[in-house]
Amino acid sequence: MSVRNALLGLLAQRPRHGYELHAAFEAVVGGEQNWDVKPAQIYTTLARLEEGGLVAEEGIEQGGGPEKRIYVITAEGRVALSRWFASGVELGHQRDEFFIKLLLAIATSEANPRSVIQTQRSKLYQELHNLTAQRNKTDSKRALAQVLLLDKAIMHLEADLRWLDMVEARLEDVKRQPLPEPEVKPRGRPKKSEN
């Protein structure tokens, strides 16, 4: 998901300034420990949305502190938001840094693949512990959506741990196979046909 679409959704709820958007985003995702978006990213994204005509400045809030620009979603922004709601979300399970690390550890002998697996397993268990603690502290009567999100993350971690066990069990088989190489393309111009 892009932060851009989240901001459009939050502005569809009601007009807000950048600081409010940052706080609302953190509240929706369950805190910065789950999805850390810096205020600068919020303001940069807002500027791009405004350039693209998807949001507009509605006014300026003046209080005791610095002036705050209030943004509102435009008709074009609502169209973009509708498109986002109507499309599926790519999860990207195959874009896996650990997978690349393991294959390169096997191919280069620069690291022990079993140690690489064990390090990853420790990392996942720590993350599982942290998420479980966070879930147990979350009140399901007030924040059921957050509990369900944490349940999803916990289930993914448990699946990743099972997958690590599978990889470790078949590591010697993987080692016997060569690292995938790009297909070699012939150099130069193709030969002209004699016809």
C-alpha atoms as a PDB file:
ATOM      1  CA  MET A   1       0.000   0.000   0.000  1.00  0.00           C
ATOM      2  CA  SER A   2       1.192   3.454  -0.635  1.00  0.00           C
ATOM      3  CA  VAL A   3       1.048   6.164   1.979  1.00  0.00           C
ATOM      4  CA  ARG A   4      -0.509   8.253  -0.780  1.00  0.00           C
ATOM      5  CA  ASN A   5      -3.702   6.189  -0.796  1.00  0.00           C
ATOM      6  CA  ALA A   6      -3.894   6.127   2.985  1.00  0.00           C
ATOM      7  CA  LEU A   7      -3.720   9.929   3.070  1.00  0.00           C
ATOM      8  CA  LEU A   8      -6.475  10.174   0.467  1.00  0.00           C
ATOM      9  CA  GLY A   9      -8.625   7.866   2.586  1.00  0.00           C
ATOM     10  CA  LEU A  10      -7.988   9.845   5.754  1.00  0.00           C
ATOM     11  CA  LEU A  11      -8.821  13.087   3.949  1.00  0.00           C
ATOM     12  CA  ALA A  12     -12.018  11.508   2.603  1.00  0.00           C
ATOM     13  CA  GLN A  13     -12.980  11.018   6.247  1.00  0.00           C
ATOM     14  CA  ARG A  14     -12.463  14.731   6.974  1.00  0.00           C
ATOM     15  CA  PRO A  15     -10.115  17.639   6.174  1.00  0.00           C
ATOM     16  CA  ARG A  16      -6.871  17.560   8.168  1.00  0.00           C
ATOM     17  CA  HIS A  17      -3.456  19.190   8.356  1.00  0.00           C
ATOM     18  CA  GLY A  18      -0.189  17.281   7.986  1.00  0.00           C
ATOM     19  CA  TYR A  19       0.383  16.712  11.693  1.00  0.00           C
ATOM     20  CA  GLU A  20      -3.138  15.303  12.097  1.00  0.00           C
ATOM     21  CA  LEU A  21      -2.619  13.037   9.089  1.00  0.00           C
ATOM     22  CA  HIS A  22       0.605  11.669  10.576  1.00  0.00           C
ATOM     23  CA  ALA A  23      -1.093  10.986  13.914  1.00  0.00           C
ATOM     24  CA  ALA A  24      -4.145   9.429  12.215  1.00  0.00           C
ATOM     25  CA  PHE A  25      -1.952   7.171  10.057  1.00  0.00           C
ATOM     26  CA  GLU A  26      -0.057   5.929  13.119  1.00  0.00           C
ATOM     27  CA  ALA A  27      -3.328   5.283  14.937  1.00  0.00           C
ATOM     28  CA  VAL A  28      -4.706   3.236  12.033  1.00  0.00           C
ATOM     29  CA  VAL A  29      -1.596   1.038  11.670  1.00  0.00           C
ATOM     30  CA  GLY A  30      -1.296   0.547  15.429  1.00  0.00           C
ATOM     31  CA  GLY A  31       1.752   2.717  16.084  1.00  0.00           C
ATOM     32  CA  GLU A  32       5.109   3.505  14.562  1.00  0.00           C
ATOM     33  CA  GLN A  33       6.447   0.117  15.651  1.00  0.00           C
ATOM     34  CA  ASN A  34       4.191  -1.417  12.993  1.00  0.00           C
ATOM     35  CA  TRP A  35       4.702   1.110  10.200  1.00  0.00           C
ATOM     36  CA  ASP A  36       7.082   3.992  10.751  1.00  0.00           C
ATOM     37  CA  VAL A  37       6.248   6.903   8.491  1.00  0.00           C
ATOM     38  CA  LYS A  38       8.179  10.085   9.152  1.00  0.00           C
ATOM     39  CA  PRO A  39       6.361  13.438   9.171  1.00  0.00           C
ATOM     40  CA  ALA A  40       8.576  14.558   6.267  1.00  0.00           C
ATOM     41  CA  GLN A  41       7.146  11.742   4.140  1.00  0.00           C
ATOM     42  CA  ILE A  42       3.619  12.868   4.984  1.00  0.00           C
ATOM     43  CA  TYR A  43       4.363  16.440   3.897  1.00  0.00           C
ATOM     44  CA  THR A  44       6.216  15.333   0.747  1.00  0.00           C
ATOM     45  CA  THR A  45       3.314  13.069  -0.212  1.00  0.00           C
ATOM     46  CA  LEU A  46       0.807  15.845   0.458  1.00  0.00           C
ATOM     47  CA  ALA A  47       2.781  18.175  -1.822  1.00  0.00           C
ATOM     48  CA  ARG A  48       2.714  15.555  -4.607  1.00  0.00           C
ATOM     49  CA  LEU A  49      -1.000  14.960  -4.138  1.00  0.00           C
ATOM     50  CA  GLU A  50      -1.610  18.704  -4.328  1.00  0.00           C
ATOM     51  CA  GLU A  51       0.520  18.990  -7.491  1.00  0.00           C
ATOM     52  CA  GLY A  52      -1.495  16.156  -8.997  1.00  0.00           C
ATOM     53  CA  GLY A  53      -4.789  17.871  -8.156  1.00  0.00           C
ATOM     54  CA  LEU A  54      -5.855  15.073  -5.787  1.00  0.00           C
ATOM     55  CA  VAL A  55      -5.934  17.253  -2.679  1.00  0.00           C
ATOM     56  CA  ALA A  56      -6.250  20.992  -2.182  1.00  0.00           C
ATOM     57  CA  GLU A  57      -5.558  23.441   0.581  1.00  0.00           C
ATOM     58  CA  GLU A  58      -8.792  24.414   2.297  1.00  0.00           C
ATOM     59  CA  GLY A  59      -7.449  26.930   4.767  1.00  0.00           C
ATOM     60  CA  ILE A  60      -4.884  27.636   7.435  1.00  0.00           C
ATOM     61  CA  GLU A  61      -5.327  26.819  11.105  1.00  0.00           C
ATOM     62  CA  GLN A  62      -3.848  29.459  13.333  1.00  0.00           C
ATOM     63  CA  GLY A  63      -3.342  28.709  16.980  1.00  0.00           C
ATOM     64  CA  GLY A  64      -0.620  29.372  19.481  1.00  0.00           C
ATOM     65  CA  GLY A  65       1.958  27.492  17.381  1.00  0.00           C
ATOM     66  CA  PRO A  66       2.982  27.611  13.731  1.00  0.00           C
ATOM     67  CA  GLU A  67       0.330  27.921  11.023  1.00  0.00           C
ATOM     68  CA  LYS A  68      -1.058  24.613   9.775  1.00  0.00           C
ATOM     69  CA  ARG A  69      -2.356  24.137   6.237  1.00  0.00           C
ATOM     70  CA  ILE A  70      -5.637  22.216   6.169  1.00  0.00           C
ATOM     71  CA  TYR A  71      -6.070  19.853   3.204  1.00  0.00           C
ATOM     72  CA  VAL A  72      -9.210  18.456   1.626  1.00  0.00           C
ATOM     73  CA  ILE A  73      -9.597  15.676  -0.947  1.00  0.00           C
ATOM     74  CA  THR A  74     -10.706  16.839  -4.429  1.00  0.00           C
ATOM     75  CA  ALA A  75     -13.082  15.147  -6.871  1.00  0.00           C
ATOM     76  CA  GLU A  76     -10.030  13.753  -8.727  1.00  0.00           C
ATOM     77  CA  GLY A  77      -8.713  12.464  -5.422  1.00  0.00           C
ATOM     78  CA  ARG A  78     -11.976  10.624  -4.762  1.00  0.00           C
ATOM     79  CA  VAL A  79     -11.729   8.988  -8.203  1.00  0.00           C
ATOM     80  CA  ALA A  80      -8.164   7.831  -7.422  1.00  0.00           C
ATOM     81  CA  LEU A  81      -9.319   6.565  -4.032  1.00  0.00           C
ATOM     82  CA  SER A  82     -12.198   4.641  -5.642  1.00  0.00           C
ATOM     83  CA  ARG A  83      -9.740   3.002  -8.066  1.00  0.00           C
ATOM     84  CA  TRP A  84      -7.588   1.920  -5.117  1.00  0.00           C
ATOM     85  CA  PHE A  85     -10.569   0.426  -3.286  1.00  0.00           C
ATOM     86  CA  ALA A  86     -11.601  -1.410  -6.460  1.00  0.00           C
ATOM     87  CA  SER A  87      -8.170  -3.000  -7.075  1.00  0.00           C
ATOM     88  CA  GLY A  88      -6.406  -5.873  -5.334  1.00  0.00           C
ATOM     89  CA  VAL A  89      -3.241  -5.424  -3.267  1.00  0.00           C
ATOM     90  CA  GLU A  90      -0.019  -7.190  -4.290  1.00  0.00           C
ATOM     91  CA  LEU A  91       1.608  -8.776  -1.244  1.00  0.00           C
ATOM     92  CA  GLY A  92       5.075  -9.437  -2.680  1.00  0.00           C
ATOM     93  CA  HIS A  93       5.811 -12.717  -0.891  1.00  0.00           C
ATOM     94  CA  GLN A  94       8.433 -13.608  -3.509  1.00  0.00           C
ATOM     95  CA  ARG A  95      10.494 -10.474  -2.946  1.00  0.00           C
ATOM     96  CA  ASP A  96      12.463 -11.929  -0.067  1.00  0.00           C
ATOM     97  CA  GLU A  97      15.828 -10.563   1.064  1.00  0.00           C
ATOM     98  CA  PHE A  98      16.504 -13.590   3.253  1.00  0.00           C
ATOM     99  CA  PHE A  99      16.063 -15.909   0.242  1.00  0.00           C
ATOM    100  CA  ILE A 100      18.703 -13.964  -1.709  1.00  0.00           C
ATOM    101  CA  LYS A 101      21.025 -13.936   1.311  1.00  0.00           C
ATOM    102  CA  LEU A 102      20.743 -17.704   1.721  1.00  0.00           C
ATOM    103  CA  LEU A 103      21.345 -18.471  -1.967  1.00  0.00           C
ATOM    104  CA  LEU A 104      24.394 -16.215  -2.040  1.00  0.00           C
ATOM    105  CA  ALA A 105      25.732 -17.743   1.188  1.00  0.00           C
ATOM    106  CA  ILE A 106      25.528 -21.138  -0.527  1.00  0.00           C
ATOM    107  CA  ALA A 107      27.016 -19.915  -3.818  1.00  0.00           C
ATOM    108  CA  THR A 108      29.901 -17.878  -2.399  1.00  0.00           C
ATOM    109  CA  SER A 109      30.856 -19.818   0.759  1.00  0.00           C
ATOM    110  CA  GLU A 110      31.245 -16.419   2.431  1.00  0.00           C
ATOM    111  CA  ALA A 111      28.881 -17.505   5.222  1.00  0.00           C
ATOM    112  CA  ASN A 112      27.670 -20.773   6.702  1.00  0.00           C
ATOM    113  CA  PRO A 113      24.127 -21.287   5.307  1.00  0.00           C
ATOM    114  CA  ARG A 114      22.987 -23.050   8.497  1.00  0.00           C
ATOM    115  CA  SER A 115      24.174 -20.089  10.561  1.00  0.00           C
ATOM    116  CA  VAL A 116      22.313 -17.753   8.202  1.00  0.00           C
ATOM    117  CA  ILE A 117      19.157 -19.806   8.762  1.00  0.00           C
ATOM    118  CA  GLN A 118      19.656 -19.856  12.524  1.00  0.00           C
ATOM    119  CA  THR A 119      20.189 -16.099  12.650  1.00  0.00           C
ATOM    120  CA  GLN A 120      16.979 -15.581  10.689  1.00  0.00           C
ATOM    121  CA  ARG A 121      15.111 -17.999  12.943  1.00  0.00           C
ATOM    122  CA  SER A 122      16.234 -16.056  16.040  1.00  0.00           C
ATOM    123  CA  LYS A 123      15.136 -12.803  14.425  1.00  0.00           C
ATOM    124  CA  LEU A 124      11.692 -14.232  13.612  1.00  0.00           C
ATOM    125  CA  TYR A 125      11.231 -15.626  17.133  1.00  0.00           C
ATOM    126  CA  GLN A 126      12.100 -12.226  18.614  1.00  0.00           C
ATOM    127  CA  GLU A 127       9.630 -10.544  16.293  1.00  0.00           C
ATOM    128  CA  LEU A 128       7.001 -13.151  17.158  1.00  0.00           C
ATOM    129  CA  HIS A 129       7.565 -12.495  20.852  1.00  0.00           C
ATOM    130  CA  ASN A 130       7.223  -8.719  20.358  1.00  0.00           C
ATOM    131  CA  LEU A 131       4.051  -8.988  18.284  1.00  0.00           C
ATOM    132  CA  THR A 132       2.462 -11.461  20.681  1.00  0.00           C
ATOM    133  CA  ALA A 133       3.177  -9.104  23.589  1.00  0.00           C
ATOM    134  CA  GLN A 134       1.729  -6.199  21.607  1.00  0.00           C
ATOM    135  CA  ARG A 135      -1.360  -8.242  20.741  1.00  0.00           C
ATOM    136  CA  ASN A 136      -1.894  -9.279  24.353  1.00  0.00           C
ATOM    137  CA  LYS A 137      -1.779  -5.631  25.431  1.00  0.00           C
ATOM    138  CA  THR A 138      -4.310  -4.531  22.789  1.00  0.00           C
ATOM    139  CA  ASP A 139      -7.909  -4.331  23.984  1.00  0.00           C
ATOM    140  CA  SER A 140     -10.059  -6.253  21.504  1.00  0.00           C
ATOM    141  CA  LYS A 141     -13.173  -4.450  22.766  1.00  0.00           C
ATOM    142  CA  ARG A 142     -11.789  -1.105  21.596  1.00  0.00           C
ATOM    143  CA  ALA A 143      -9.339  -2.083  18.845  1.00  0.00           C
ATOM    144  CA  LEU A 144     -10.486  -5.338  17.270  1.00  0.00           C
ATOM    145  CA  ALA A 145      -9.121  -4.357  13.842  1.00  0.00           C
ATOM    146  CA  GLN A 146      -5.634  -3.909  15.358  1.00  0.00           C
ATOM    147  CA  VAL A 147      -5.884  -7.296  17.077  1.00  0.00           C
ATOM    148  CA  LEU A 148      -6.813  -8.935  13.774  1.00  0.00           C
ATOM    149  CA  LEU A 149      -3.902  -7.192  12.016  1.00  0.00           C
ATOM    150  CA  LEU A 150      -1.510  -8.451  14.692  1.00  0.00           C
ATOM    151  CA  ASP A 151      -2.995 -11.955  14.362  1.00  0.00           C
ATOM    152  CA  LYS A 152      -2.248 -11.818  10.638  1.00  0.00           C
ATOM    153  CA  ALA A 153       1.360 -10.747  11.256  1.00  0.00           C
ATOM    154  CA  ILE A 154       1.795 -13.504  13.869  1.00  0.00           C
ATOM    155  CA  MET A 155       0.426 -16.136  11.467  1.00  0.00           C
ATOM    156  CA  HIS A 156       2.850 -14.969   8.759  1.00  0.00           C
ATOM    157  CA  LEU A 157       5.767 -15.242  11.182  1.00  0.00           C
ATOM    158  CA  GLU A 158       4.699 -18.745  12.205  1.00  0.00           C
ATOM    159  CA  ALA A 159       4.513 -19.717   8.525  1.00  0.00           C
ATOM    160  CA  ASP A 160       7.982 -18.222   7.917  1.00  0.00           C
ATOM    161  CA  LEU A 161       9.365 -20.281  10.811  1.00  0.00           C
ATOM    162  CA  ARG A 162       7.869 -23.472   9.372  1.00  0.00           C
ATOM    163  CA  TRP A 163       9.320 -22.571   5.973  1.00  0.00           C
ATOM    164  CA  LEU A 164      12.775 -22.135   7.549  1.00  0.00           C
ATOM    165  CA  ASP A 165      12.477 -25.651   8.997  1.00  0.00           C
ATOM    166  CA  MET A 166      11.654 -26.966   5.513  1.00  0.00           C
ATOM    167  CA  VAL A 167      14.602 -25.155   3.938  1.00  0.00           C
ATOM    168  CA  GLU A 168      16.986 -26.405   6.605  1.00  0.00           C
ATOM    169  CA  ALA A 169      15.756 -29.979   6.156  1.00  0.00           C
ATOM    170  CA  ARG A 170      16.417 -29.792   2.410  1.00  0.00           C
ATOM    171  CA  LEU A 171      19.511 -27.590   2.504  1.00  0.00           C
ATOM    172  CA  GLU A 172      21.866 -30.260   1.150  1.00  0.00           C
ATOM    173  CA  ASP A 173      19.532 -30.765  -1.842  1.00  0.00           C
ATOM    174  CA  VAL A 174      19.529 -27.018  -2.512  1.00  0.00           C
ATOM    175  CA  LYS A 175      23.341 -26.937  -2.279  1.00  0.00           C
ATOM    176  CA  ARG A 176      23.635 -29.520  -5.044  1.00  0.00           C
ATOM    177  CA  GLN A 177      21.795 -27.254  -7.479  1.00  0.00           C
ATOM    178  CA  PRO A 178      23.604 -24.383  -9.217  1.00  0.00           C
ATOM    179  CA  LEU A 179      22.716 -20.763  -8.530  1.00  0.00           C
ATOM    180  CA  PRO A 180      20.339 -19.607 -11.286  1.00  0.00           C
ATOM    181  CA  GLU A 181      22.193 -17.652 -13.969  1.00  0.00           C
ATOM    182  CA  PRO A 182      20.811 -15.234 -16.557  1.00  0.00           C
ATOM    183  CA  GLU A 183      20.205 -16.621 -20.000  1.00  0.00           C
ATOM    184  CA  VAL A 184      23.186 -15.929 -22.304  1.00  0.00           C
ATOM    185  CA  LYS A 185      22.090 -13.859 -25.292  1.00  0.00           C
ATOM    186  CA  PRO A 186      24.094 -13.909 -28.534  1.00  0.00           C
ATOM    187  CA  ARG A 187      26.146 -10.752 -29.132  1.00  0.00           C
ATOM    188  CA  GLY A 188      26.097  -8.636 -32.258  1.00  0.00           C
ATOM    189  CA  ARG A 189      23.453  -8.085 -34.889  1.00  0.00           C
ATOM    190  CA  PRO A 190      21.344 -11.014 -36.020  1.00  0.00           C
ATOM    191  CA  LYS A 191      22.457 -12.529 -39.342  1.00  0.00           C
ATOM    192  CA  LYS A 192      20.526 -11.430 -42.433  1.00  0.00           C
ATOM    193  CA  SER A 193      18.298 -13.980 -44.026  1.00  0.00           C
ATOM    194  CA  GLU A 194      19.541 -15.280 -47.424  1.00  0.00           C
ATOM    195  CA  ASN A 195      16.009 -15.224 -48.910  1.00  0.00           C
END
